[in-house]
Amino acid sequence: MSITGPDRTWPRTDADDELRLQWEFLTFLRATALIKATGLTPAQASATPWPTSPVMSVLGVLKHLTAVERYWITRTAGGSDAPTLWSPDDVNAEWRLRPEDTPSAVITAYRAEWAIAERAIEGLTPGDHTRRDPDRTVRWVLTHVIQETARHVGHLDILREHLDGTTGE
């Protein structure tokens, strides 16, 4: 089974709304992350080819990005009581694959978190303090998630090239 990627649109260059621009960049990066998984077999998507990073797989990266959005956008900024996807007993828990972590299941969970995250901060502005951490603003949280997603899209680039030679943005 292979995964099909979403359409990807570059953010508008005439941006005049900060929050919209942040969402556009995050949406672009989310789509890019999924495109990196497009066309891989389940074995390729779950492969961990580097001994120094034994839990880093395409699916592991996507699970981690789901956990990042849950923690930072849904819970911290939005104030949701949805459970975290981190484990205090295992810093790599969200990277580890379980038998039920098929490409379809992991992608579905990642996409579902996008909608949950967006609903969680509906009505907030970039300068608003987050609902769970008054020392942070929505601007900071979204920027943090954008940089985290961009960093891991870079990992996905390298993984994909190693797995089947596919390159490109």
N, C-alpha and C. Protein backbone atom coordinates (compact mmCIF):
# COMPACT_ATOMS: atom_id res chain seq x y z
N MET A 1 0.84 -1.18 0.00
CA MET A 1 0.00 0.00 0.00
C MET A 1 0.88 1.24 0.00
N SER A 2 0.59 2.17 -0.85
CA SER A 2 1.35 3.42 -0.84
C SER A 2 0.43 4.55 -0.38
N ILE A 3 1.05 5.63 0.00
CA ILE A 3 0.34 6.78 0.52
C ILE A 3 0.27 7.82 -0.60
N THR A 4 -0.84 8.49 -0.72
CA THR A 4 -0.91 9.59 -1.66
C THR A 4 -0.76 10.89 -0.89
N GLY A 5 -0.02 11.80 -1.45
CA GLY A 5 0.24 13.07 -0.78
C GLY A 5 -0.83 14.10 -1.04
N PRO A 6 -0.90 15.08 -0.19
CA PRO A 6 -1.88 16.16 -0.35
C PRO A 6 -1.38 17.18 -1.37
N ASP A 7 -2.29 18.02 -1.81
CA ASP A 7 -1.88 19.16 -2.62
C ASP A 7 -1.11 20.10 -1.72
N ARG A 8 -0.13 20.76 -2.30
CA ARG A 8 0.71 21.66 -1.51
C ARG A 8 0.74 23.02 -2.20
N THR A 9 0.41 24.06 -1.45
CA THR A 9 0.39 25.40 -2.00
C THR A 9 1.37 26.27 -1.23
N TRP A 10 2.24 26.97 -1.97
CA TRP A 10 3.19 27.87 -1.35
C TRP A 10 2.44 29.04 -0.72
N PRO A 11 2.83 29.48 0.49
CA PRO A 11 2.15 30.61 1.13
C PRO A 11 2.16 31.86 0.26
N ARG A 12 1.11 32.65 0.40
CA ARG A 12 1.00 33.89 -0.38
C ARG A 12 2.17 34.82 -0.08
N THR A 13 2.67 35.46 -1.09
CA THR A 13 3.81 36.37 -0.91
C THR A 13 3.37 37.78 -0.53
N ASP A 14 2.09 38.08 -0.70
CA ASP A 14 1.60 39.41 -0.33
C ASP A 14 0.90 39.37 1.02
N ALA A 15 1.45 38.56 1.91
CA ALA A 15 0.83 38.35 3.22
C ALA A 15 0.68 39.66 3.99
N ASP A 16 -0.51 39.85 4.54
CA ASP A 16 -0.74 41.03 5.37
C ASP A 16 -1.40 40.65 6.70
N ASP A 17 -1.52 39.35 6.92
CA ASP A 17 -2.16 38.84 8.14
C ASP A 17 -1.20 37.82 8.75
N GLU A 18 -0.62 38.16 9.87
CA GLU A 18 0.41 37.31 10.49
C GLU A 18 -0.08 35.90 10.80
N LEU A 19 -1.24 35.79 11.41
CA LEU A 19 -1.75 34.47 11.79
C LEU A 19 -2.02 33.62 10.54
N ARG A 20 -2.61 34.23 9.55
CA ARG A 20 -2.86 33.49 8.31
C ARG A 20 -1.55 33.03 7.68
N LEU A 21 -0.53 33.89 7.68
CA LEU A 21 0.77 33.52 7.12
C LEU A 21 1.38 32.35 7.89
N GLN A 22 1.28 32.38 9.21
CA GLN A 22 1.82 31.27 10.00
C GLN A 22 1.09 29.97 9.65
N TRP A 23 -0.23 30.02 9.57
CA TRP A 23 -0.99 28.81 9.20
C TRP A 23 -0.64 28.35 7.80
N GLU A 24 -0.44 29.28 6.87
CA GLU A 24 -0.08 28.89 5.50
C GLU A 24 1.27 28.19 5.47
N PHE A 25 2.25 28.72 6.21
CA PHE A 25 3.55 28.05 6.24
C PHE A 25 3.46 26.69 6.93
N LEU A 26 2.71 26.60 8.02
CA LEU A 26 2.56 25.31 8.68
C LEU A 26 1.84 24.32 7.77
N THR A 27 0.81 24.77 7.09
CA THR A 27 0.08 23.90 6.16
C THR A 27 0.99 23.41 5.05
N PHE A 28 1.82 24.29 4.51
CA PHE A 28 2.78 23.92 3.47
C PHE A 28 3.75 22.86 3.98
N LEU A 29 4.26 23.06 5.19
CA LEU A 29 5.21 22.09 5.76
C LEU A 29 4.54 20.76 6.09
N ARG A 30 3.31 20.81 6.59
CA ARG A 30 2.57 19.57 6.86
C ARG A 30 2.42 18.76 5.58
N ALA A 31 2.01 19.43 4.52
CA ALA A 31 1.83 18.75 3.23
C ALA A 31 3.16 18.19 2.73
N THR A 32 4.23 18.96 2.90
CA THR A 32 5.55 18.49 2.47
C THR A 32 5.93 17.23 3.24
N ALA A 33 5.66 17.20 4.53
CA ALA A 33 5.97 16.01 5.34
C ALA A 33 5.23 14.79 4.79
N LEU A 34 3.97 14.96 4.45
CA LEU A 34 3.21 13.82 3.92
C LEU A 34 3.68 13.41 2.54
N ILE A 35 4.07 14.38 1.73
CA ILE A 35 4.59 14.06 0.40
C ILE A 35 5.83 13.19 0.51
N LYS A 36 6.63 13.42 1.54
CA LYS A 36 7.84 12.61 1.73
C LYS A 36 7.51 11.14 1.99
N ALA A 37 6.31 10.86 2.48
CA ALA A 37 5.88 9.48 2.72
C ALA A 37 5.16 8.87 1.52
N THR A 38 4.80 9.69 0.55
CA THR A 38 4.04 9.23 -0.60
C THR A 38 4.83 8.23 -1.43
N GLY A 39 4.20 7.11 -1.71
CA GLY A 39 4.80 6.11 -2.58
C GLY A 39 5.70 5.11 -1.88
N LEU A 40 5.91 5.26 -0.59
CA LEU A 40 6.73 4.29 0.14
C LEU A 40 5.90 3.06 0.50
N THR A 41 6.55 1.93 0.52
CA THR A 41 5.89 0.73 1.01
C THR A 41 5.85 0.80 2.53
N PRO A 42 5.02 0.00 3.18
CA PRO A 42 5.03 -0.01 4.65
C PRO A 42 6.42 -0.32 5.22
N ALA A 43 7.15 -1.22 4.58
CA ALA A 43 8.49 -1.55 5.06
C ALA A 43 9.42 -0.35 4.96
N GLN A 44 9.35 0.38 3.86
CA GLN A 44 10.19 1.56 3.71
C GLN A 44 9.79 2.64 4.72
N ALA A 45 8.50 2.85 4.88
CA ALA A 45 8.01 3.90 5.77
C ALA A 45 8.38 3.64 7.23
N SER A 46 8.57 2.39 7.59
CA SER A 46 8.91 2.06 8.97
C SER A 46 10.39 1.74 9.17
N ALA A 47 11.18 1.78 8.10
CA ALA A 47 12.61 1.46 8.19
C ALA A 47 13.34 2.50 9.04
N THR A 48 14.26 2.02 9.85
CA THR A 48 15.14 2.88 10.66
C THR A 48 16.57 2.60 10.22
N PRO A 49 17.03 3.28 9.17
CA PRO A 49 18.30 2.91 8.54
C PRO A 49 19.57 3.36 9.24
N TRP A 50 19.47 4.20 10.27
CA TRP A 50 20.69 4.73 10.87
C TRP A 50 20.87 4.22 12.30
N PRO A 51 21.95 3.50 12.55
CA PRO A 51 22.21 2.97 13.89
C PRO A 51 22.28 4.06 14.97
N THR A 52 22.71 5.25 14.61
CA THR A 52 22.82 6.33 15.60
C THR A 52 21.46 6.97 15.92
N SER A 53 20.46 6.68 15.11
CA SER A 53 19.09 7.17 15.33
C SER A 53 18.13 6.00 15.14
N PRO A 54 18.17 5.04 16.07
CA PRO A 54 17.46 3.77 15.87
C PRO A 54 15.94 3.83 15.86
N VAL A 55 15.34 4.97 16.19
CA VAL A 55 13.87 5.08 16.13
C VAL A 55 13.42 6.03 15.03
N MET A 56 14.36 6.58 14.26
CA MET A 56 13.98 7.55 13.23
C MET A 56 13.59 6.84 11.94
N SER A 57 12.29 6.87 11.69
CA SER A 57 11.72 6.35 10.46
C SER A 57 10.78 7.41 9.92
N VAL A 58 10.34 7.26 8.69
CA VAL A 58 9.37 8.20 8.14
C VAL A 58 8.12 8.23 9.02
N LEU A 59 7.60 7.07 9.38
CA LEU A 59 6.41 7.03 10.23
C LEU A 59 6.69 7.56 11.63
N GLY A 60 7.87 7.29 12.15
CA GLY A 60 8.24 7.82 13.46
C GLY A 60 8.27 9.34 13.47
N VAL A 61 8.81 9.93 12.41
CA VAL A 61 8.83 11.39 12.31
C VAL A 61 7.40 11.93 12.29
N LEU A 62 6.53 11.29 11.50
CA LEU A 62 5.14 11.77 11.44
C LEU A 62 4.43 11.60 12.78
N LYS A 63 4.70 10.52 13.49
CA LYS A 63 4.11 10.35 14.83
C LYS A 63 4.62 11.45 15.77
N HIS A 64 5.91 11.75 15.67
CA HIS A 64 6.49 12.80 16.51
C HIS A 64 5.83 14.15 16.19
N LEU A 65 5.66 14.46 14.92
CA LEU A 65 5.03 15.73 14.54
C LEU A 65 3.58 15.80 15.04
N THR A 66 2.90 14.68 15.07
CA THR A 66 1.55 14.64 15.64
C THR A 66 1.61 14.99 17.12
N ALA A 67 2.57 14.41 17.82
CA ALA A 67 2.73 14.68 19.26
C ALA A 67 3.11 16.14 19.51
N VAL A 68 3.94 16.72 18.64
CA VAL A 68 4.32 18.12 18.76
C VAL A 68 3.10 19.02 18.64
N GLU A 69 2.27 18.77 17.63
CA GLU A 69 1.07 19.60 17.46
C GLU A 69 0.11 19.42 18.63
N ARG A 70 -0.03 18.18 19.11
CA ARG A 70 -0.92 17.94 20.25
C ARG A 70 -0.46 18.74 21.46
N TYR A 71 0.84 18.65 21.78
CA TYR A 71 1.35 19.30 22.98
C TYR A 71 1.31 20.82 22.85
N TRP A 72 1.88 21.33 21.78
CA TRP A 72 2.06 22.78 21.69
C TRP A 72 0.81 23.53 21.25
N ILE A 73 0.16 23.08 20.19
CA ILE A 73 -0.99 23.85 19.70
C ILE A 73 -2.26 23.46 20.46
N THR A 74 -2.59 22.18 20.46
CA THR A 74 -3.85 21.74 21.04
C THR A 74 -3.89 21.97 22.54
N ARG A 75 -2.85 21.53 23.24
CA ARG A 75 -2.86 21.61 24.70
C ARG A 75 -2.35 22.96 25.23
N THR A 76 -1.11 23.34 24.84
CA THR A 76 -0.52 24.54 25.42
C THR A 76 -1.26 25.80 24.96
N ALA A 77 -1.35 26.00 23.66
CA ALA A 77 -2.01 27.22 23.17
C ALA A 77 -3.52 27.15 23.36
N GLY A 78 -4.12 26.02 22.99
CA GLY A 78 -5.57 25.91 23.01
C GLY A 78 -6.18 25.54 24.34
N GLY A 79 -5.39 25.01 25.26
CA GLY A 79 -5.90 24.66 26.58
C GLY A 79 -6.67 23.36 26.64
N SER A 80 -6.60 22.54 25.60
CA SER A 80 -7.33 21.28 25.57
C SER A 80 -6.81 20.31 26.63
N ASP A 81 -7.69 19.46 27.10
CA ASP A 81 -7.31 18.39 28.02
C ASP A 81 -7.01 17.08 27.29
N ALA A 82 -6.93 17.12 25.97
CA ALA A 82 -6.57 15.91 25.21
C ALA A 82 -5.27 15.36 25.76
N PRO A 83 -5.16 14.04 25.85
CA PRO A 83 -3.94 13.48 26.44
C PRO A 83 -2.70 13.79 25.59
N THR A 84 -1.56 13.95 26.26
CA THR A 84 -0.32 14.15 25.52
C THR A 84 0.04 12.84 24.83
N LEU A 85 0.86 12.94 23.83
CA LEU A 85 1.35 11.74 23.14
C LEU A 85 2.81 11.48 23.51
N TRP A 86 3.31 12.22 24.51
CA TRP A 86 4.66 12.01 25.04
C TRP A 86 4.56 10.97 26.17
N SER A 87 5.66 10.42 26.54
CA SER A 87 5.70 9.54 27.71
C SER A 87 6.80 10.03 28.64
N PRO A 88 6.47 10.29 29.90
CA PRO A 88 7.51 10.74 30.83
C PRO A 88 8.55 9.66 31.10
N ASP A 89 8.19 8.41 30.81
CA ASP A 89 9.10 7.30 31.08
C ASP A 89 9.96 6.92 29.88
N ASP A 90 9.64 7.45 28.70
CA ASP A 90 10.37 7.08 27.48
C ASP A 90 10.38 8.28 26.55
N VAL A 91 11.51 8.99 26.47
CA VAL A 91 11.58 10.20 25.66
C VAL A 91 11.40 9.93 24.17
N ASN A 92 11.51 8.69 23.76
CA ASN A 92 11.33 8.34 22.35
C ASN A 92 10.02 7.61 22.08
N ALA A 93 9.11 7.62 23.02
CA ALA A 93 7.87 6.83 22.89
C ALA A 93 7.10 7.15 21.62
N GLU A 94 6.95 8.46 21.31
CA GLU A 94 6.15 8.80 20.14
C GLU A 94 6.86 8.47 18.83
N TRP A 95 8.14 8.18 18.89
CA TRP A 95 8.89 7.78 17.69
C TRP A 95 8.78 6.28 17.42
N ARG A 96 8.52 5.52 18.47
CA ARG A 96 8.50 4.07 18.33
C ARG A 96 7.23 3.62 17.62
N LEU A 97 7.40 2.65 16.73
CA LEU A 97 6.26 2.14 15.97
C LEU A 97 5.70 0.90 16.65
N ARG A 98 4.38 0.85 16.68
CA ARG A 98 3.66 -0.32 17.19
C ARG A 98 3.03 -1.02 15.99
N PRO A 99 2.59 -2.26 16.16
CA PRO A 99 2.00 -2.97 15.03
C PRO A 99 0.85 -2.22 14.35
N GLU A 100 0.09 -1.46 15.11
CA GLU A 100 -1.04 -0.72 14.53
C GLU A 100 -0.62 0.55 13.81
N ASP A 101 0.65 0.91 13.86
CA ASP A 101 1.14 2.12 13.21
C ASP A 101 1.45 1.88 11.74
N THR A 102 0.40 1.64 11.00
CA THR A 102 0.53 1.49 9.55
C THR A 102 0.67 2.87 8.92
N PRO A 103 1.15 2.94 7.70
CA PRO A 103 1.21 4.26 7.05
C PRO A 103 -0.15 4.97 7.07
N SER A 104 -1.19 4.26 6.75
CA SER A 104 -2.53 4.87 6.73
C SER A 104 -2.94 5.38 8.10
N ALA A 105 -2.71 4.61 9.13
CA ALA A 105 -3.11 4.99 10.49
C ALA A 105 -2.31 6.20 10.98
N VAL A 106 -1.02 6.23 10.72
CA VAL A 106 -0.18 7.33 11.19
C VAL A 106 -0.55 8.62 10.45
N ILE A 107 -0.76 8.51 9.15
CA ILE A 107 -1.13 9.71 8.36
C ILE A 107 -2.50 10.21 8.78
N THR A 108 -3.43 9.31 9.00
CA THR A 108 -4.78 9.70 9.43
C THR A 108 -4.71 10.42 10.78
N ALA A 109 -3.91 9.92 11.71
CA ALA A 109 -3.78 10.57 13.02
C ALA A 109 -3.15 11.95 12.89
N TYR A 110 -2.14 12.08 12.03
CA TYR A 110 -1.48 13.37 11.83
C TYR A 110 -2.47 14.37 11.25
N ARG A 111 -3.18 13.98 10.22
CA ARG A 111 -4.17 14.88 9.61
C ARG A 111 -5.29 15.24 10.59
N ALA A 112 -5.72 14.29 11.38
CA ALA A 112 -6.78 14.55 12.36
C ALA A 112 -6.31 15.58 13.38
N GLU A 113 -5.05 15.50 13.78
CA GLU A 113 -4.53 16.46 14.77
C GLU A 113 -4.51 17.87 14.20
N TRP A 114 -4.32 18.02 12.90
CA TRP A 114 -4.34 19.36 12.30
C TRP A 114 -5.66 20.05 12.61
N ALA A 115 -6.76 19.34 12.35
CA ALA A 115 -8.10 19.91 12.57
C ALA A 115 -8.33 20.19 14.06
N ILE A 116 -7.89 19.28 14.91
CA ILE A 116 -8.05 19.45 16.35
C ILE A 116 -7.28 20.69 16.80
N ALA A 117 -6.04 20.83 16.32
CA ALA A 117 -5.19 21.96 16.70
C ALA A 117 -5.80 23.28 16.24
N GLU A 118 -6.28 23.30 15.02
CA GLU A 118 -6.85 24.53 14.49
C GLU A 118 -8.10 24.94 15.26
N ARG A 119 -8.92 23.98 15.62
CA ARG A 119 -10.11 24.28 16.43
C ARG A 119 -9.73 24.75 17.83
N ALA A 120 -8.67 24.17 18.38
CA ALA A 120 -8.25 24.50 19.75
C ALA A 120 -7.86 25.96 19.91
N ILE A 121 -7.30 26.56 18.87
CA ILE A 121 -6.88 27.96 19.03
C ILE A 121 -7.76 28.93 18.23
N GLU A 122 -8.88 28.43 17.78
CA GLU A 122 -9.81 29.30 17.07
C GLU A 122 -10.16 30.51 17.93
N GLY A 123 -10.12 31.68 17.33
CA GLY A 123 -10.47 32.90 18.04
C GLY A 123 -9.30 33.58 18.73
N LEU A 124 -8.15 32.91 18.81
CA LEU A 124 -6.98 33.53 19.42
C LEU A 124 -6.20 34.31 18.37
N THR A 125 -5.49 35.33 18.82
CA THR A 125 -4.65 36.12 17.92
C THR A 125 -3.19 35.82 18.24
N PRO A 126 -2.27 36.19 17.34
CA PRO A 126 -0.85 35.89 17.59
C PRO A 126 -0.33 36.44 18.92
N GLY A 127 -0.80 37.59 19.33
CA GLY A 127 -0.32 38.20 20.57
C GLY A 127 -0.99 37.70 21.83
N ASP A 128 -2.02 36.88 21.69
CA ASP A 128 -2.69 36.34 22.88
C ASP A 128 -1.76 35.37 23.60
N HIS A 129 -1.87 35.37 24.93
CA HIS A 129 -1.13 34.38 25.71
C HIS A 129 -1.83 33.04 25.58
N THR A 130 -1.04 31.99 25.61
CA THR A 130 -1.63 30.66 25.48
C THR A 130 -2.48 30.36 26.70
N ARG A 131 -3.40 29.45 26.52
CA ARG A 131 -4.36 29.15 27.58
C ARG A 131 -3.74 28.35 28.72
N ARG A 132 -2.67 27.62 28.47
CA ARG A 132 -2.05 26.81 29.51
C ARG A 132 -0.76 27.38 30.05
N ASP A 133 -0.13 28.25 29.30
CA ASP A 133 1.17 28.79 29.71
C ASP A 133 1.18 30.29 29.43
N PRO A 134 0.83 31.09 30.43
CA PRO A 134 0.72 32.54 30.20
C PRO A 134 2.03 33.23 29.86
N ASP A 135 3.16 32.53 29.96
CA ASP A 135 4.44 33.11 29.58
C ASP A 135 4.70 33.00 28.08
N ARG A 136 3.85 32.29 27.36
CA ARG A 136 4.03 32.11 25.92
C ARG A 136 2.85 32.73 25.18
N THR A 137 3.13 33.19 23.97
CA THR A 137 2.07 33.72 23.12
C THR A 137 1.74 32.69 22.04
N VAL A 138 0.59 32.86 21.42
CA VAL A 138 0.20 32.01 20.29
C VAL A 138 1.24 32.16 19.18
N ARG A 139 1.73 33.37 18.98
CA ARG A 139 2.78 33.63 17.97
C ARG A 139 3.99 32.74 18.22
N TRP A 140 4.44 32.68 19.49
CA TRP A 140 5.61 31.86 19.83
C TRP A 140 5.33 30.38 19.56
N VAL A 141 4.18 29.91 19.99
CA VAL A 141 3.84 28.49 19.82
C VAL A 141 3.80 28.12 18.34
N LEU A 142 3.10 28.91 17.54
CA LEU A 142 3.02 28.58 16.12
C LEU A 142 4.39 28.64 15.45
N THR A 143 5.19 29.63 15.81
CA THR A 143 6.53 29.73 15.23
C THR A 143 7.37 28.53 15.65
N HIS A 144 7.24 28.12 16.89
CA HIS A 144 7.97 26.93 17.37
C HIS A 144 7.55 25.68 16.59
N VAL A 145 6.26 25.49 16.39
CA VAL A 145 5.78 24.31 15.67
C VAL A 145 6.22 24.38 14.20
N ILE A 146 6.23 25.56 13.62
CA ILE A 146 6.71 25.71 12.23
C ILE A 146 8.18 25.31 12.15
N GLN A 147 9.03 25.81 13.07
CA GLN A 147 10.45 25.44 13.00
C GLN A 147 10.66 23.96 13.28
N GLU A 148 9.90 23.40 14.20
CA GLU A 148 10.02 21.97 14.51
C GLU A 148 9.62 21.13 13.30
N THR A 149 8.54 21.51 12.65
CA THR A 149 8.08 20.78 11.47
C THR A 149 9.09 20.91 10.34
N ALA A 150 9.61 22.11 10.12
CA ALA A 150 10.60 22.33 9.06
C ALA A 150 11.86 21.49 9.31
N ARG A 151 12.30 21.46 10.55
CA ARG A 151 13.49 20.66 10.89
C ARG A 151 13.28 19.20 10.56
N HIS A 152 12.10 18.69 10.92
CA HIS A 152 11.84 17.28 10.67
C HIS A 152 11.51 16.99 9.21
N VAL A 153 11.03 17.96 8.46
CA VAL A 153 10.89 17.77 7.01
C VAL A 153 12.28 17.54 6.42
N GLY A 154 13.29 18.22 6.95
CA GLY A 154 14.67 17.97 6.52
C GLY A 154 15.10 16.53 6.79
N HIS A 155 14.73 16.01 7.96
CA HIS A 155 15.02 14.60 8.24
C HIS A 155 14.30 13.70 7.25
N LEU A 156 13.06 14.04 6.95
CA LEU A 156 12.29 13.23 5.99
C LEU A 156 12.93 13.27 4.60
N ASP A 157 13.49 14.42 4.21
CA ASP A 157 14.21 14.53 2.93
C ASP A 157 15.33 13.50 2.87
N ILE A 158 16.12 13.47 3.93
CA ILE A 158 17.28 12.57 3.97
C ILE A 158 16.83 11.12 4.02
N LEU A 159 15.83 10.83 4.85
CA LEU A 159 15.31 9.46 4.91
C LEU A 159 14.82 9.00 3.54
N ARG A 160 14.02 9.83 2.89
CA ARG A 160 13.46 9.45 1.60
C ARG A 160 14.54 9.23 0.56
N GLU A 161 15.52 10.11 0.50
CA GLU A 161 16.61 9.92 -0.46
C GLU A 161 17.36 8.63 -0.17
N HIS A 162 17.58 8.33 1.09
CA HIS A 162 18.27 7.09 1.46
C HIS A 162 17.43 5.85 1.09
N LEU A 163 16.11 5.93 1.30
CA LEU A 163 15.24 4.78 1.07
C LEU A 163 15.08 4.42 -0.41
N ASP A 164 14.88 5.44 -1.25
CA ASP A 164 14.61 5.11 -2.66
C ASP A 164 15.18 6.09 -3.66
N GLY A 165 16.01 7.02 -3.20
CA GLY A 165 16.65 7.95 -4.10
C GLY A 165 15.82 9.16 -4.48
N THR A 166 14.58 9.25 -4.00
CA THR A 166 13.71 10.37 -4.33
C THR A 166 14.21 11.64 -3.65
N THR A 167 14.35 12.69 -4.44
CA THR A 167 14.76 13.98 -3.90
C THR A 167 13.76 15.04 -4.34
N GLY A 168 13.89 16.20 -3.77
CA GLY A 168 13.02 17.31 -4.15
C GLY A 168 12.35 17.90 -2.95
N GLU A 169 11.84 19.11 -3.14
CA GLU A 169 11.20 19.82 -2.04
C GLU A 169 9.94 19.18 -1.69
